[in-house]
Amino acid sequence: LIAPCRKTAALHPEVRVLNCSAAMPCTGLRSYYTRIYEGKFITGALAGALCRDGRIGYVADTPIFGVPAGINAFALGAQLTNPAARVYVRWYCVENALQKLVDDGFEYISNRDVPSPDRQAEAWGLCRCDGQRVLRSLASPYWHWGNFYVKLVRSILTGGWDALSQRDEGRAVSYWWGLRSRTTDVLLCEGLPAGARQLVGILRQGLASGTLLPFQRPLRGQDGALRSDGSEWFSPEAILHMDWLCEGVEGHIPAFDELLPVSRRLVRLQGVYRDTIPPEKEETVL
């Protein structure tokens, strides 16, 4: 919906227009997203603590901005509690990724995130696959949109929106909030052991306070190249625009021609390699 949002913002400058997207900077409208990688880090640490063989499956959605950061954060969380952990990535936009991981015998699998706290009946988030090949959810990151919209509307009513417009005049504005702003969190399922709940609580507090940064550590890519020596923290832009996977992750980011047709339009807009995709004729935006 970025095109109609841009059109509306141009035709009606008195209207405040927002688009839920990452890395789509446009003056005249604002975009918003959540730091879901923080929740992925927590569920990765939980998976590492529970997994006995060190093999953890991961269902990734599409190779758009923010998704590689979520994979890497999950893997780093798993390595925090289990240094020998390996994360095996399969892509929902390429194949029936969840079924593939079940068939390959993974006991712990990170499935797609629960969309809201009231959708607990399905196997969302970190799951355990039992001997009968039944998936049971343990914990899942989720997007707390209610908190986001309350904060946003409050900023409009109290003048925060206009103050930000004056400060950043002529530049695009994007909101990218996480645990600290309570726009994302981790939902824990019943039956999770008390020690695991305590671990989640400690990590949640560290991420929200800023004393724990998932990517502030010595970090190498899959090819062994040093991505960080641990002395500096990754900027939000560097995290959002990650187009590589870290050491300890098995699998690759699928190329455009590997994707199912239904996924290609979104990847054209927000794919981590969108600038390299051959162009196609597009409709007039304005």
C-alpha atoms as a PDB file:
ATOM      1  CA  LEU A   1       0.000   0.000   0.000  1.00  0.00           C
ATOM      2  CA  ILE A   2       2.990   2.353  -0.227  1.00  0.00           C
ATOM      3  CA  ALA A   3       1.836   3.733  -3.604  1.00  0.00           C
ATOM      4  CA  PRO A   4      -1.674   4.779  -2.511  1.00  0.00           C
ATOM      5  CA  CYS A   5      -0.198   6.138   0.740  1.00  0.00           C
ATOM      6  CA  ARG A   6       2.182   8.357  -1.234  1.00  0.00           C
ATOM      7  CA  LYS A   7      -0.656   9.499  -3.479  1.00  0.00           C
ATOM      8  CA  THR A   8      -2.890  10.352  -0.519  1.00  0.00           C
ATOM      9  CA  ALA A   9      -0.085  12.221   1.254  1.00  0.00           C
ATOM     10  CA  ALA A  10       0.622  14.287  -1.868  1.00  0.00           C
ATOM     11  CA  LEU A  11      -3.039  15.155  -2.503  1.00  0.00           C
ATOM     12  CA  HIS A  12      -3.895  15.815   1.157  1.00  0.00           C
ATOM     13  CA  PRO A  13      -0.892  17.320   2.995  1.00  0.00           C
ATOM     14  CA  GLU A  14      -3.142  18.148   5.961  1.00  0.00           C
ATOM     15  CA  VAL A  15      -3.701  14.417   6.625  1.00  0.00           C
ATOM     16  CA  ARG A  16      -1.221  12.395   8.681  1.00  0.00           C
ATOM     17  CA  VAL A  17      -0.449   9.260   6.660  1.00  0.00           C
ATOM     18  CA  LEU A  18       1.545   6.252   7.902  1.00  0.00           C
ATOM     19  CA  ASN A  19       2.536   3.025   6.181  1.00  0.00           C
ATOM     20  CA  CYS A  20       3.520  -0.185   7.967  1.00  0.00           C
ATOM     21  CA  SER A  21       6.817  -0.984   6.278  1.00  0.00           C
ATOM     22  CA  ALA A  22      10.562  -1.001   6.764  1.00  0.00           C
ATOM     23  CA  ALA A  23      13.135   0.807   4.614  1.00  0.00           C
ATOM     24  CA  MET A  24      10.541   2.714   2.582  1.00  0.00           C
ATOM     25  CA  PRO A  25      11.524   6.329   3.351  1.00  0.00           C
ATOM     26  CA  CYS A  26       9.211   8.896   1.778  1.00  0.00           C
ATOM     27  CA  THR A  27       8.802  12.541   2.713  1.00  0.00           C
ATOM     28  CA  GLY A  28       5.198  13.511   3.324  1.00  0.00           C
ATOM     29  CA  LEU A  29       4.324  10.278   5.075  1.00  0.00           C
ATOM     30  CA  ARG A  30       5.825   8.185   7.849  1.00  0.00           C
ATOM     31  CA  SER A  31       6.503   4.476   8.129  1.00  0.00           C
ATOM     32  CA  TYR A  32       6.598   2.196  11.151  1.00  0.00           C
ATOM     33  CA  TYR A  33       7.797  -1.276  12.100  1.00  0.00           C
ATOM     34  CA  THR A  34       8.887  -3.132  15.235  1.00  0.00           C
ATOM     35  CA  ARG A  35      12.239  -4.491  16.382  1.00  0.00           C
ATOM     36  CA  ILE A  36      10.965  -8.029  16.286  1.00  0.00           C
ATOM     37  CA  TYR A  37      14.570  -9.271  16.289  1.00  0.00           C
ATOM     38  CA  GLU A  38      14.620  -8.583  20.042  1.00  0.00           C
ATOM     39  CA  GLY A  39      11.921 -11.188  20.584  1.00  0.00           C
ATOM     40  CA  LYS A  40      13.744 -13.556  18.225  1.00  0.00           C
ATOM     41  CA  PHE A  41      16.865 -13.235  20.372  1.00  0.00           C
ATOM     42  CA  ILE A  42      14.883 -14.283  23.443  1.00  0.00           C
ATOM     43  CA  THR A  43      13.248 -17.294  21.778  1.00  0.00           C
ATOM     44  CA  GLY A  44      16.632 -18.288  20.340  1.00  0.00           C
ATOM     45  CA  ALA A  45      18.131 -18.310  23.825  1.00  0.00           C
ATOM     46  CA  LEU A  46      15.185 -20.376  25.017  1.00  0.00           C
ATOM     47  CA  ALA A  47      15.661 -22.854  22.147  1.00  0.00           C
ATOM     48  CA  GLY A  48      19.361 -23.208  22.907  1.00  0.00           C
ATOM     49  CA  ALA A  49      18.648 -23.888  26.569  1.00  0.00           C
ATOM     50  CA  LEU A  50      16.040 -26.561  25.825  1.00  0.00           C
ATOM     51  CA  CYS A  51      17.588 -28.263  22.799  1.00  0.00           C
ATOM     52  CA  ARG A  52      19.644 -31.373  23.580  1.00  0.00           C
ATOM     53  CA  ASP A  53      21.249 -32.122  20.209  1.00  0.00           C
ATOM     54  CA  GLY A  54      22.006 -28.495  19.268  1.00  0.00           C
ATOM     55  CA  ARG A  55      19.993 -28.700  16.011  1.00  0.00           C
ATOM     56  CA  ILE A  56      17.290 -26.048  15.776  1.00  0.00           C
ATOM     57  CA  GLY A  57      15.017 -25.462  12.800  1.00  0.00           C
ATOM     58  CA  TYR A  58      13.920 -22.002  11.705  1.00  0.00           C
ATOM     59  CA  VAL A  59      11.092 -21.043   9.350  1.00  0.00           C
ATOM     60  CA  ALA A  60      11.843 -17.710   7.669  1.00  0.00           C
ATOM     61  CA  ASP A  61       9.133 -15.873   5.784  1.00  0.00           C
ATOM     62  CA  THR A  62      10.534 -13.764   2.923  1.00  0.00           C
ATOM     63  CA  PRO A  63      13.958 -12.130   2.355  1.00  0.00           C
ATOM     64  CA  ILE A  64      12.830  -8.574   3.126  1.00  0.00           C
ATOM     65  CA  PHE A  65      14.444  -5.936   5.330  1.00  0.00           C
ATOM     66  CA  GLY A  66      14.579  -7.027   8.959  1.00  0.00           C
ATOM     67  CA  VAL A  67      14.222 -10.766   8.341  1.00  0.00           C
ATOM     68  CA  PRO A  68      17.976 -11.606   8.218  1.00  0.00           C
ATOM     69  CA  ALA A  69      18.396  -9.614  11.440  1.00  0.00           C
ATOM     70  CA  GLY A  70      15.731 -11.796  13.054  1.00  0.00           C
ATOM     71  CA  ILE A  71      17.484 -14.982  11.919  1.00  0.00           C
ATOM     72  CA  ASN A  72      20.849 -13.747  13.161  1.00  0.00           C
ATOM     73  CA  ALA A  73      19.438 -12.563  16.490  1.00  0.00           C
ATOM     74  CA  PHE A  74      17.769 -15.951  17.018  1.00  0.00           C
ATOM     75  CA  ALA A  75      21.046 -17.761  16.261  1.00  0.00           C
ATOM     76  CA  LEU A  76      23.017 -15.497  18.611  1.00  0.00           C
ATOM     77  CA  GLY A  77      20.448 -16.086  21.344  1.00  0.00           C
ATOM     78  CA  ALA A  78      20.767 -19.840  20.837  1.00  0.00           C
ATOM     79  CA  GLN A  79      24.566 -19.593  21.022  1.00  0.00           C
ATOM     80  CA  LEU A  80      24.255 -17.574  24.238  1.00  0.00           C
ATOM     81  CA  THR A  81      22.792 -20.564  26.067  1.00  0.00           C
ATOM     82  CA  ASN A  82      24.261 -23.337  23.887  1.00  0.00           C
ATOM     83  CA  PRO A  83      27.549 -22.404  22.150  1.00  0.00           C
ATOM     84  CA  ALA A  84      27.346 -25.535  19.973  1.00  0.00           C
ATOM     85  CA  ALA A  85      23.873 -24.710  18.615  1.00  0.00           C
ATOM     86  CA  ARG A  86      23.284 -24.660  14.862  1.00  0.00           C
ATOM     87  CA  VAL A  87      20.246 -23.036  13.277  1.00  0.00           C
ATOM     88  CA  TYR A  88      18.894 -24.551  10.051  1.00  0.00           C
ATOM     89  CA  VAL A  89      16.873 -22.092   7.963  1.00  0.00           C
ATOM     90  CA  ARG A  90      14.112 -23.012   5.541  1.00  0.00           C
ATOM     91  CA  TRP A  91      12.031 -20.407   3.691  1.00  0.00           C
ATOM     92  CA  TYR A  92       8.238 -20.245   3.653  1.00  0.00           C
ATOM     93  CA  CYS A  93       8.404 -18.282   0.376  1.00  0.00           C
ATOM     94  CA  VAL A  94      10.200 -21.184  -1.344  1.00  0.00           C
ATOM     95  CA  GLU A  95       8.698 -24.408   0.026  1.00  0.00           C
ATOM     96  CA  ASN A  96       6.564 -25.901   2.777  1.00  0.00           C
ATOM     97  CA  ALA A  97       9.335 -25.020   5.191  1.00  0.00           C
ATOM     98  CA  LEU A  98       7.680 -26.161   8.415  1.00  0.00           C
ATOM     99  CA  GLN A  99       6.811 -29.589   7.047  1.00  0.00           C
ATOM    100  CA  LYS A 100      10.334 -29.934   5.657  1.00  0.00           C
ATOM    101  CA  LEU A 101      11.858 -29.328   9.085  1.00  0.00           C
ATOM    102  CA  VAL A 102       9.428 -31.758  10.742  1.00  0.00           C
ATOM    103  CA  ASP A 103      10.304 -34.409   8.141  1.00  0.00           C
ATOM    104  CA  ASP A 104      14.008 -33.810   8.813  1.00  0.00           C
ATOM    105  CA  GLY A 105      13.519 -34.715  12.458  1.00  0.00           C
ATOM    106  CA  PHE A 106      13.998 -31.380  14.230  1.00  0.00           C
ATOM    107  CA  GLU A 107      12.659 -31.403  17.772  1.00  0.00           C
ATOM    108  CA  TYR A 108      12.714 -27.618  18.227  1.00  0.00           C
ATOM    109  CA  ILE A 109      11.562 -25.352  15.406  1.00  0.00           C
ATOM    110  CA  SER A 110      11.060 -21.594  15.296  1.00  0.00           C
ATOM    111  CA  ASN A 111       7.888 -21.161  13.258  1.00  0.00           C
ATOM    112  CA  ARG A 112       6.423 -17.832  12.146  1.00  0.00           C
ATOM    113  CA  ASP A 113       5.472 -15.401  14.913  1.00  0.00           C
ATOM    114  CA  VAL A 114       2.088 -15.349  16.613  1.00  0.00           C
ATOM    115  CA  PRO A 115       0.206 -12.396  15.030  1.00  0.00           C
ATOM    116  CA  SER A 116      -1.572 -11.465  18.281  1.00  0.00           C
ATOM    117  CA  PRO A 117      -1.843 -12.843  21.823  1.00  0.00           C
ATOM    118  CA  ASP A 118      -5.318 -14.288  21.174  1.00  0.00           C
ATOM    119  CA  ARG A 119      -4.092 -16.602  18.381  1.00  0.00           C
ATOM    120  CA  GLN A 120      -2.564 -19.294  20.583  1.00  0.00           C
ATOM    121  CA  ALA A 121      -4.375 -22.318  19.169  1.00  0.00           C
ATOM    122  CA  GLU A 122      -1.918 -22.745  16.292  1.00  0.00           C
ATOM    123  CA  ALA A 123       1.749 -23.742  16.409  1.00  0.00           C
ATOM    124  CA  TRP A 124       3.302 -20.289  16.383  1.00  0.00           C
ATOM    125  CA  GLY A 125       6.795 -19.217  17.420  1.00  0.00           C
ATOM    126  CA  LEU A 126       9.220 -21.617  19.065  1.00  0.00           C
ATOM    127  CA  CYS A 127       7.663 -25.085  18.980  1.00  0.00           C
ATOM    128  CA  ARG A 128       8.581 -28.548  20.162  1.00  0.00           C
ATOM    129  CA  CYS A 129       7.813 -31.445  17.836  1.00  0.00           C
ATOM    130  CA  ASP A 130       7.006 -34.561  19.850  1.00  0.00           C
ATOM    131  CA  GLY A 131       7.360 -38.199  18.855  1.00  0.00           C
ATOM    132  CA  GLN A 132       3.926 -38.108  17.183  1.00  0.00           C
ATOM    133  CA  ARG A 133       5.044 -35.189  14.964  1.00  0.00           C
ATOM    134  CA  VAL A 134       2.687 -32.861  16.828  1.00  0.00           C
ATOM    135  CA  LEU A 135       3.903 -29.278  17.253  1.00  0.00           C
ATOM    136  CA  ARG A 136       3.341 -27.538  20.575  1.00  0.00           C
ATOM    137  CA  SER A 137       4.094 -23.836  20.994  1.00  0.00           C
ATOM    138  CA  LEU A 138       6.434 -22.788  23.796  1.00  0.00           C
ATOM    139  CA  ALA A 139       6.976 -19.060  23.225  1.00  0.00           C
ATOM    140  CA  SER A 140       6.579 -16.568  20.435  1.00  0.00           C
ATOM    141  CA  PRO A 141       7.504 -12.974  19.640  1.00  0.00           C
ATOM    142  CA  TYR A 142       4.460 -10.881  18.821  1.00  0.00           C
ATOM    143  CA  TRP A 143       3.679  -7.393  17.606  1.00  0.00           C
ATOM    144  CA  HIS A 144       1.861  -5.277  20.194  1.00  0.00           C
ATOM    145  CA  TRP A 145       0.146  -2.893  17.781  1.00  0.00           C
ATOM    146  CA  GLY A 146      -2.256  -1.569  20.415  1.00  0.00           C
ATOM    147  CA  ASN A 147       0.609  -0.002  22.356  1.00  0.00           C
ATOM    148  CA  PHE A 148       2.072   1.456  19.165  1.00  0.00           C
ATOM    149  CA  TYR A 149      -1.132   3.169  18.072  1.00  0.00           C
ATOM    150  CA  VAL A 150      -1.833   4.534  21.557  1.00  0.00           C
ATOM    151  CA  LYS A 151       1.662   6.079  21.687  1.00  0.00           C
ATOM    152  CA  LEU A 152       1.308   7.438  18.162  1.00  0.00           C
ATOM    153  CA  VAL A 153      -2.099   9.065  18.687  1.00  0.00           C
ATOM    154  CA  ARG A 154      -0.945  10.474  22.029  1.00  0.00           C
ATOM    155  CA  SER A 155       2.068  12.077  20.299  1.00  0.00           C
ATOM    156  CA  ILE A 156      -0.279  13.725  17.773  1.00  0.00           C
ATOM    157  CA  LEU A 157      -2.600  15.067  20.484  1.00  0.00           C
ATOM    158  CA  THR A 158       0.267  16.399  22.626  1.00  0.00           C
ATOM    159  CA  GLY A 159       2.242  18.025  19.802  1.00  0.00           C
ATOM    160  CA  GLY A 160       5.001  15.432  19.498  1.00  0.00           C
ATOM    161  CA  TRP A 161       4.207  14.733  15.838  1.00  0.00           C
ATOM    162  CA  ASP A 162       4.571  18.409  14.850  1.00  0.00           C
ATOM    163  CA  ALA A 163       7.729  18.834  16.932  1.00  0.00           C
ATOM    164  CA  LEU A 164       9.341  15.912  15.139  1.00  0.00           C
ATOM    165  CA  SER A 165       8.298  17.374  11.776  1.00  0.00           C
ATOM    166  CA  GLN A 166      10.003  20.667  12.613  1.00  0.00           C
ATOM    167  CA  ARG A 167      13.179  18.960  13.827  1.00  0.00           C
ATOM    168  CA  ASP A 168      13.449  16.696  10.785  1.00  0.00           C
ATOM    169  CA  GLU A 169      12.061  19.086   8.195  1.00  0.00           C
ATOM    170  CA  GLY A 170      12.519  17.723   4.694  1.00  0.00           C
ATOM    171  CA  ARG A 171      13.568  14.245   5.840  1.00  0.00           C
ATOM    172  CA  ALA A 172      11.622  11.012   5.987  1.00  0.00           C
ATOM    173  CA  VAL A 173      10.598   9.806   9.459  1.00  0.00           C
ATOM    174  CA  SER A 174      10.321   6.134  10.414  1.00  0.00           C
ATOM    175  CA  TYR A 175       9.295   4.645  13.768  1.00  0.00           C
ATOM    176  CA  TRP A 176      11.146   1.473  14.753  1.00  0.00           C
ATOM    177  CA  TRP A 177      10.196   0.576  18.310  1.00  0.00           C
ATOM    178  CA  GLY A 178      10.815  -2.555  20.370  1.00  0.00           C
ATOM    179  CA  LEU A 179      10.615  -4.006  23.878  1.00  0.00           C
ATOM    180  CA  ARG A 180      11.486  -0.728  25.544  1.00  0.00           C
ATOM    181  CA  SER A 181       8.403   0.899  23.999  1.00  0.00           C
ATOM    182  CA  ARG A 182       6.325  -2.243  24.605  1.00  0.00           C
ATOM    183  CA  THR A 183       5.482  -2.499  20.890  1.00  0.00           C
ATOM    184  CA  THR A 184       6.854  -6.035  20.764  1.00  0.00           C
ATOM    185  CA  ASP A 185       7.124  -8.755  23.391  1.00  0.00           C
ATOM    186  CA  VAL A 186       7.334 -12.518  23.856  1.00  0.00           C
ATOM    187  CA  LEU A 187       4.261 -14.589  24.634  1.00  0.00           C
ATOM    188  CA  LEU A 188       4.935 -17.578  26.897  1.00  0.00           C
ATOM    189  CA  CYS A 189       2.730 -20.653  26.714  1.00  0.00           C
ATOM    190  CA  GLU A 190       1.410 -22.603  29.667  1.00  0.00           C
ATOM    191  CA  GLY A 191       3.613 -25.441  30.833  1.00  0.00           C
ATOM    192  CA  LEU A 192       6.912 -23.669  30.154  1.00  0.00           C
ATOM    193  CA  PRO A 193       9.299 -24.570  33.013  1.00  0.00           C
ATOM    194  CA  ALA A 194       9.847 -21.985  35.729  1.00  0.00           C
ATOM    195  CA  GLY A 195      13.570 -21.729  34.965  1.00  0.00           C
ATOM    196  CA  ALA A 196      12.834 -21.010  31.307  1.00  0.00           C
ATOM    197  CA  ARG A 197      10.382 -18.289  32.323  1.00  0.00           C
ATOM    198  CA  GLN A 198      13.011 -16.766  34.571  1.00  0.00           C
ATOM    199  CA  LEU A 199      15.514 -16.763  31.701  1.00  0.00           C
ATOM    200  CA  VAL A 200      13.022 -14.977  29.462  1.00  0.00           C
ATOM    201  CA  GLY A 201      12.380 -12.389  32.170  1.00  0.00           C
ATOM    202  CA  ILE A 202      16.083 -11.633  32.579  1.00  0.00           C
ATOM    203  CA  LEU A 203      16.630 -11.250  28.833  1.00  0.00           C
ATOM    204  CA  ARG A 204      13.492  -9.160  28.404  1.00  0.00           C
ATOM    205  CA  GLN A 205      14.659  -6.756  31.110  1.00  0.00           C
ATOM    206  CA  GLY A 206      18.151  -6.497  29.620  1.00  0.00           C
ATOM    207  CA  LEU A 207      16.866  -5.740  26.131  1.00  0.00           C
ATOM    208  CA  ALA A 208      14.293  -3.205  27.335  1.00  0.00           C
ATOM    209  CA  SER A 209      16.862  -1.333  29.458  1.00  0.00           C
ATOM    210  CA  GLY A 210      19.532  -1.358  26.755  1.00  0.00           C
ATOM    211  CA  THR A 211      22.055  -3.215  28.910  1.00  0.00           C
ATOM    212  CA  LEU A 212      21.842  -6.184  26.537  1.00  0.00           C
ATOM    213  CA  LEU A 213      22.402  -5.648  22.810  1.00  0.00           C
ATOM    214  CA  PRO A 214      22.141  -8.857  20.741  1.00  0.00           C
ATOM    215  CA  PHE A 215      24.680  -7.788  18.114  1.00  0.00           C
ATOM    216  CA  GLN A 216      27.282  -6.196  20.392  1.00  0.00           C
ATOM    217  CA  ARG A 217      29.712  -9.112  20.442  1.00  0.00           C
ATOM    218  CA  PRO A 218      32.417 -10.534  18.167  1.00  0.00           C
ATOM    219  CA  LEU A 219      30.455 -11.597  15.118  1.00  0.00           C
ATOM    220  CA  ARG A 220      31.357 -13.406  11.904  1.00  0.00           C
ATOM    221  CA  GLY A 221      29.340 -14.146   8.814  1.00  0.00           C
ATOM    222  CA  GLN A 222      28.781 -17.584   7.318  1.00  0.00           C
ATOM    223  CA  ASP A 223      31.878 -17.067   5.165  1.00  0.00           C
ATOM    224  CA  GLY A 224      34.017 -16.466   8.249  1.00  0.00           C
ATOM    225  CA  ALA A 225      34.467 -12.748   7.531  1.00  0.00           C
ATOM    226  CA  LEU A 226      34.546 -10.574  10.650  1.00  0.00           C
ATOM    227  CA  ARG A 227      31.415  -8.440  10.794  1.00  0.00           C
ATOM    228  CA  SER A 228      32.064  -6.966  14.240  1.00  0.00           C
ATOM    229  CA  ASP A 229      34.902  -7.171  16.750  1.00  0.00           C
ATOM    230  CA  GLY A 230      32.438  -6.518  19.572  1.00  0.00           C
ATOM    231  CA  SER A 231      33.727  -3.062  20.434  1.00  0.00           C
ATOM    232  CA  GLU A 232      30.950  -1.165  18.650  1.00  0.00           C
ATOM    233  CA  TRP A 233      27.194  -1.538  18.481  1.00  0.00           C
ATOM    234  CA  PHE A 234      25.291  -1.900  15.225  1.00  0.00           C
ATOM    235  CA  SER A 235      23.196   1.128  14.277  1.00  0.00           C
ATOM    236  CA  PRO A 236      19.465   0.589  13.677  1.00  0.00           C
ATOM    237  CA  GLU A 237      20.089   1.107   9.955  1.00  0.00           C
ATOM    238  CA  ALA A 238      22.821  -1.557   9.898  1.00  0.00           C
ATOM    239  CA  ILE A 239      20.549  -4.038  11.680  1.00  0.00           C
ATOM    240  CA  LEU A 240      17.552  -3.323   9.464  1.00  0.00           C
ATOM    241  CA  HIS A 241      19.599  -3.605   6.250  1.00  0.00           C
ATOM    242  CA  MET A 242      21.415  -6.843   7.093  1.00  0.00           C
ATOM    243  CA  ASP A 243      21.649  -8.949   3.931  1.00  0.00           C
ATOM    244  CA  TRP A 244      23.887 -11.681   5.359  1.00  0.00           C
ATOM    245  CA  LEU A 245      23.620 -14.561   7.812  1.00  0.00           C
ATOM    246  CA  CYS A 246      25.933 -15.127  10.754  1.00  0.00           C
ATOM    247  CA  GLU A 247      28.182 -17.991  11.712  1.00  0.00           C
ATOM    248  CA  GLY A 248      26.166 -20.872  13.137  1.00  0.00           C
ATOM    249  CA  VAL A 249      23.337 -20.545  10.603  1.00  0.00           C
ATOM    250  CA  GLU A 250      22.910 -23.272   7.998  1.00  0.00           C
ATOM    251  CA  GLY A 251      21.062 -22.240   4.849  1.00  0.00           C
ATOM    252  CA  HIS A 252      21.072 -19.213   2.578  1.00  0.00           C
ATOM    253  CA  ILE A 253      18.992 -16.196   1.583  1.00  0.00           C
ATOM    254  CA  PRO A 254      17.039 -17.343  -1.493  1.00  0.00           C
ATOM    255  CA  ALA A 255      17.571 -15.591  -4.817  1.00  0.00           C
ATOM    256  CA  PHE A 256      14.662 -13.856  -6.514  1.00  0.00           C
ATOM    257  CA  ASP A 257      14.149 -16.656  -9.051  1.00  0.00           C
ATOM    258  CA  GLU A 258      13.869 -19.194  -6.200  1.00  0.00           C
ATOM    259  CA  LEU A 259      10.823 -17.478  -4.704  1.00  0.00           C
ATOM    260  CA  LEU A 260       7.247 -18.585  -5.184  1.00  0.00           C
ATOM    261  CA  PRO A 261       5.431 -16.123  -7.495  1.00  0.00           C
ATOM    262  CA  VAL A 262       3.146 -14.926  -4.686  1.00  0.00           C
ATOM    263  CA  SER A 263       6.184 -13.593  -2.771  1.00  0.00           C
ATOM    264  CA  ARG A 264       7.928 -11.729  -5.548  1.00  0.00           C
ATOM    265  CA  ARG A 265       5.976  -8.474  -5.467  1.00  0.00           C
ATOM    266  CA  LEU A 266       6.754  -7.878  -1.793  1.00  0.00           C
ATOM    267  CA  VAL A 267      10.428  -8.703  -2.332  1.00  0.00           C
ATOM    268  CA  ARG A 268      10.576  -6.197  -5.192  1.00  0.00           C
ATOM    269  CA  LEU A 269       9.421  -3.526  -2.758  1.00  0.00           C
ATOM    270  CA  GLN A 270      11.283  -4.483   0.414  1.00  0.00           C
ATOM    271  CA  GLY A 271      13.702  -7.258  -0.501  1.00  0.00           C
ATOM    272  CA  VAL A 272      17.209  -7.041   0.901  1.00  0.00           C
ATOM    273  CA  TYR A 273      18.502  -7.221  -2.687  1.00  0.00           C
ATOM    274  CA  ARG A 274      15.732  -5.173  -4.308  1.00  0.00           C
ATOM    275  CA  ASP A 275      18.212  -2.864  -6.101  1.00  0.00           C
ATOM    276  CA  THR A 276      19.594  -5.810  -8.081  1.00  0.00           C
ATOM    277  CA  ILE A 277      16.229  -7.195  -9.277  1.00  0.00           C
ATOM    278  CA  PRO A 278      15.581  -6.518 -12.992  1.00  0.00           C
ATOM    279  CA  PRO A 279      12.853  -3.874 -13.264  1.00  0.00           C
ATOM    280  CA  GLU A 280       9.373  -4.443 -14.566  1.00  0.00           C
ATOM    281  CA  LYS A 281       6.839  -1.965 -15.861  1.00  0.00           C
ATOM    282  CA  GLU A 282       5.047  -0.312 -12.965  1.00  0.00           C
ATOM    283  CA  GLU A 283       1.863   1.699 -12.693  1.00  0.00           C
ATOM    284  CA  THR A 284       2.104   5.459 -12.265  1.00  0.00           C
ATOM    285  CA  VAL A 285       2.300   6.305  -8.560  1.00  0.00           C
ATOM    286  CA  LEU A 286       1.253   9.948  -8.723  1.00  0.00           C
END
